Amino acid sequence: MPALIGDPSLVYCDERDHPHADKTIEAVRCLYEFFEDIFDSQSIGFQKPSPDFFDYVTSRIKDFNRTEALIIGDSLNTDIKGGIQAGIDTCWVNGGAQISPPEIRSTYTITSLVELFDICLPLM
């Protein structure tokens, strides 16, 4: 979370093997300039929620500290589960009023990215 304050290191990670991968990546292309790096499972050889995926990504972020990071994702089974297994706080973007199973509990749950301000502002 503090990684979002001050001079953050923002990275984008995506799966290249899901049906809408190309559309998703194209949709966020306009945001690429804000990210320090972009990782996709096909290029690195590991898929979320594999710990190897998160180890690969975090090892390439300068001065990465798991206690100062936040994984924001919309998939419980890949983003959130992987973040939990990697020991990193997670924020689940639950846009569809889904119910989280008891074995996958995100640190935070929001329905809109605007709600990230409520999470991050108290840390400033």
Protein backbone atom coordinates (compact mmCIF):
# COMPACT_ATOMS: atom_id res chain seq x y z
CA MET A 1 0.00 0.00 0.00
CA PRO A 2 2.64 2.62 0.81
CA ALA A 3 4.04 1.75 -2.61
CA LEU A 4 1.14 3.77 -4.00
CA ILE A 5 2.27 6.86 -2.08
CA GLY A 6 5.15 9.10 -3.06
CA ASP A 7 7.12 7.58 -5.91
CA PRO A 8 5.32 4.29 -6.60
CA SER A 9 6.54 1.40 -8.66
CA LEU A 10 3.50 0.37 -10.68
CA VAL A 11 3.58 -2.81 -12.71
CA TYR A 12 0.91 -4.46 -14.82
CA CYS A 13 0.53 -8.24 -14.90
CA ASP A 14 -1.83 -10.22 -17.09
CA GLU A 15 -2.55 -13.73 -18.26
CA ARG A 16 -2.07 -14.19 -22.01
CA ASP A 17 -3.99 -17.44 -22.16
CA HIS A 18 -7.50 -16.30 -21.27
CA PRO A 19 -10.10 -15.71 -24.02
CA HIS A 20 -10.08 -11.91 -23.74
CA ALA A 21 -6.36 -11.36 -23.16
CA ASP A 22 -5.68 -9.44 -26.35
CA LYS A 23 -8.67 -7.14 -25.78
CA THR A 24 -7.66 -6.54 -22.17
CA ILE A 25 -4.07 -5.73 -23.05
CA GLU A 26 -5.19 -3.45 -25.88
CA ALA A 27 -7.63 -1.67 -23.54
CA VAL A 28 -4.89 -0.78 -21.05
CA ARG A 29 -2.27 0.09 -23.68
CA CYS A 30 -3.05 3.80 -23.19
CA LEU A 31 -1.96 3.42 -19.54
CA TYR A 32 1.41 1.80 -20.28
CA GLU A 33 3.31 5.04 -19.73
CA PHE A 34 2.33 4.93 -16.05
CA PHE A 35 3.80 1.47 -15.45
CA GLU A 36 7.42 0.78 -14.67
CA ASP A 37 7.13 -2.66 -16.25
CA ILE A 38 4.57 -4.98 -17.82
CA PHE A 39 4.55 -8.74 -17.26
CA ASP A 40 2.46 -11.43 -18.90
CA SER A 41 2.35 -15.12 -18.08
CA GLN A 42 3.23 -16.24 -21.59
CA SER A 43 6.45 -14.22 -21.65
CA ILE A 44 7.68 -15.19 -18.19
CA GLY A 45 6.60 -18.83 -18.31
CA PHE A 46 4.49 -18.91 -15.14
CA GLN A 47 0.81 -18.26 -14.55
CA LYS A 48 -1.00 -16.67 -11.63
CA PRO A 49 -1.61 -17.85 -8.92
CA SER A 50 1.70 -19.74 -9.04
CA PRO A 51 4.20 -18.46 -6.46
CA ASP A 52 6.77 -18.63 -9.26
CA PHE A 53 4.84 -15.94 -11.16
CA PHE A 54 4.87 -13.56 -8.20
CA ASP A 55 8.49 -14.38 -7.30
CA TYR A 56 9.53 -13.60 -10.88
CA VAL A 57 7.67 -10.28 -10.94
CA THR A 58 8.70 -9.10 -7.48
CA SER A 59 12.36 -9.98 -8.08
CA ARG A 60 12.36 -7.50 -10.96
CA ILE A 61 10.95 -4.55 -9.03
CA LYS A 62 13.68 -2.38 -7.55
CA ASP A 63 13.67 -2.31 -3.74
CA PHE A 64 10.49 -4.39 -3.60
CA ASN A 65 9.11 -4.94 -0.10
CA ARG A 66 6.14 -7.29 0.28
CA THR A 67 4.90 -5.37 3.34
CA GLU A 68 4.66 -2.16 1.28
CA ALA A 69 2.89 -3.63 -1.73
CA LEU A 70 -0.70 -4.08 -2.78
CA ILE A 71 -1.95 -6.40 -5.50
CA ILE A 72 -5.13 -5.07 -7.11
CA GLY A 73 -7.09 -7.58 -9.13
CA ASP A 74 -10.51 -8.66 -10.28
CA SER A 75 -9.93 -12.42 -10.18
CA LEU A 76 -10.17 -14.23 -6.86
CA ASN A 77 -8.61 -17.41 -8.26
CA THR A 78 -5.56 -15.81 -9.87
CA ASP A 79 -4.83 -12.27 -8.63
CA ILE A 80 -6.07 -12.50 -5.05
CA LYS A 81 -5.18 -16.13 -4.35
CA GLY A 82 -1.71 -15.58 -5.81
CA GLY A 83 -1.15 -12.44 -3.76
CA ILE A 84 -2.23 -14.18 -0.57
CA GLN A 85 0.11 -17.11 -1.29
CA ALA A 86 2.94 -14.64 -1.99
CA GLY A 87 2.39 -12.88 1.35
CA ILE A 88 1.30 -9.60 -0.24
CA ASP A 89 -1.78 -7.55 0.73
CA THR A 90 -4.53 -7.76 -1.86
CA CYS A 91 -7.41 -5.61 -3.03
CA TRP A 92 -10.19 -7.42 -4.84
CA VAL A 93 -12.17 -5.35 -7.32
CA ASN A 94 -15.52 -7.08 -7.03
CA GLY A 95 -17.55 -5.45 -9.76
CA GLY A 96 -20.21 -8.13 -9.86
CA ALA A 97 -21.24 -8.51 -6.21
CA GLN A 98 -19.63 -11.96 -6.08
CA ILE A 99 -19.21 -13.86 -2.83
CA SER A 100 -15.66 -14.71 -1.83
CA PRO A 101 -15.13 -18.29 -0.66
CA PRO A 102 -13.79 -18.57 2.90
CA GLU A 103 -10.40 -19.85 1.72
CA ILE A 104 -9.74 -16.73 -0.39
CA ARG A 105 -9.99 -13.60 1.74
CA SER A 106 -8.65 -10.40 0.27
CA THR A 107 -7.17 -7.75 2.56
CA TYR A 108 -9.53 -5.21 0.97
CA THR A 109 -12.60 -5.53 -1.26
CA ILE A 110 -13.86 -2.69 -3.43
CA THR A 111 -16.40 -2.36 -6.22
CA SER A 112 -14.71 0.54 -8.04
CA LEU A 113 -11.09 1.64 -8.44
CA VAL A 114 -12.11 5.05 -7.06
CA GLU A 115 -12.38 3.34 -3.67
CA LEU A 116 -8.59 2.87 -3.66
CA PHE A 117 -8.35 6.45 -2.38
CA ASP A 118 -10.15 5.38 0.80
CA ILE A 119 -7.55 2.67 1.29
CA CYS A 120 -4.46 4.71 0.46
CA LEU A 121 -5.19 8.20 1.80
CA PRO A 122 -5.09 7.21 5.50
CA LEU A 123 -1.54 5.92 4.93
CA MET A 124 -0.25 9.30 3.80
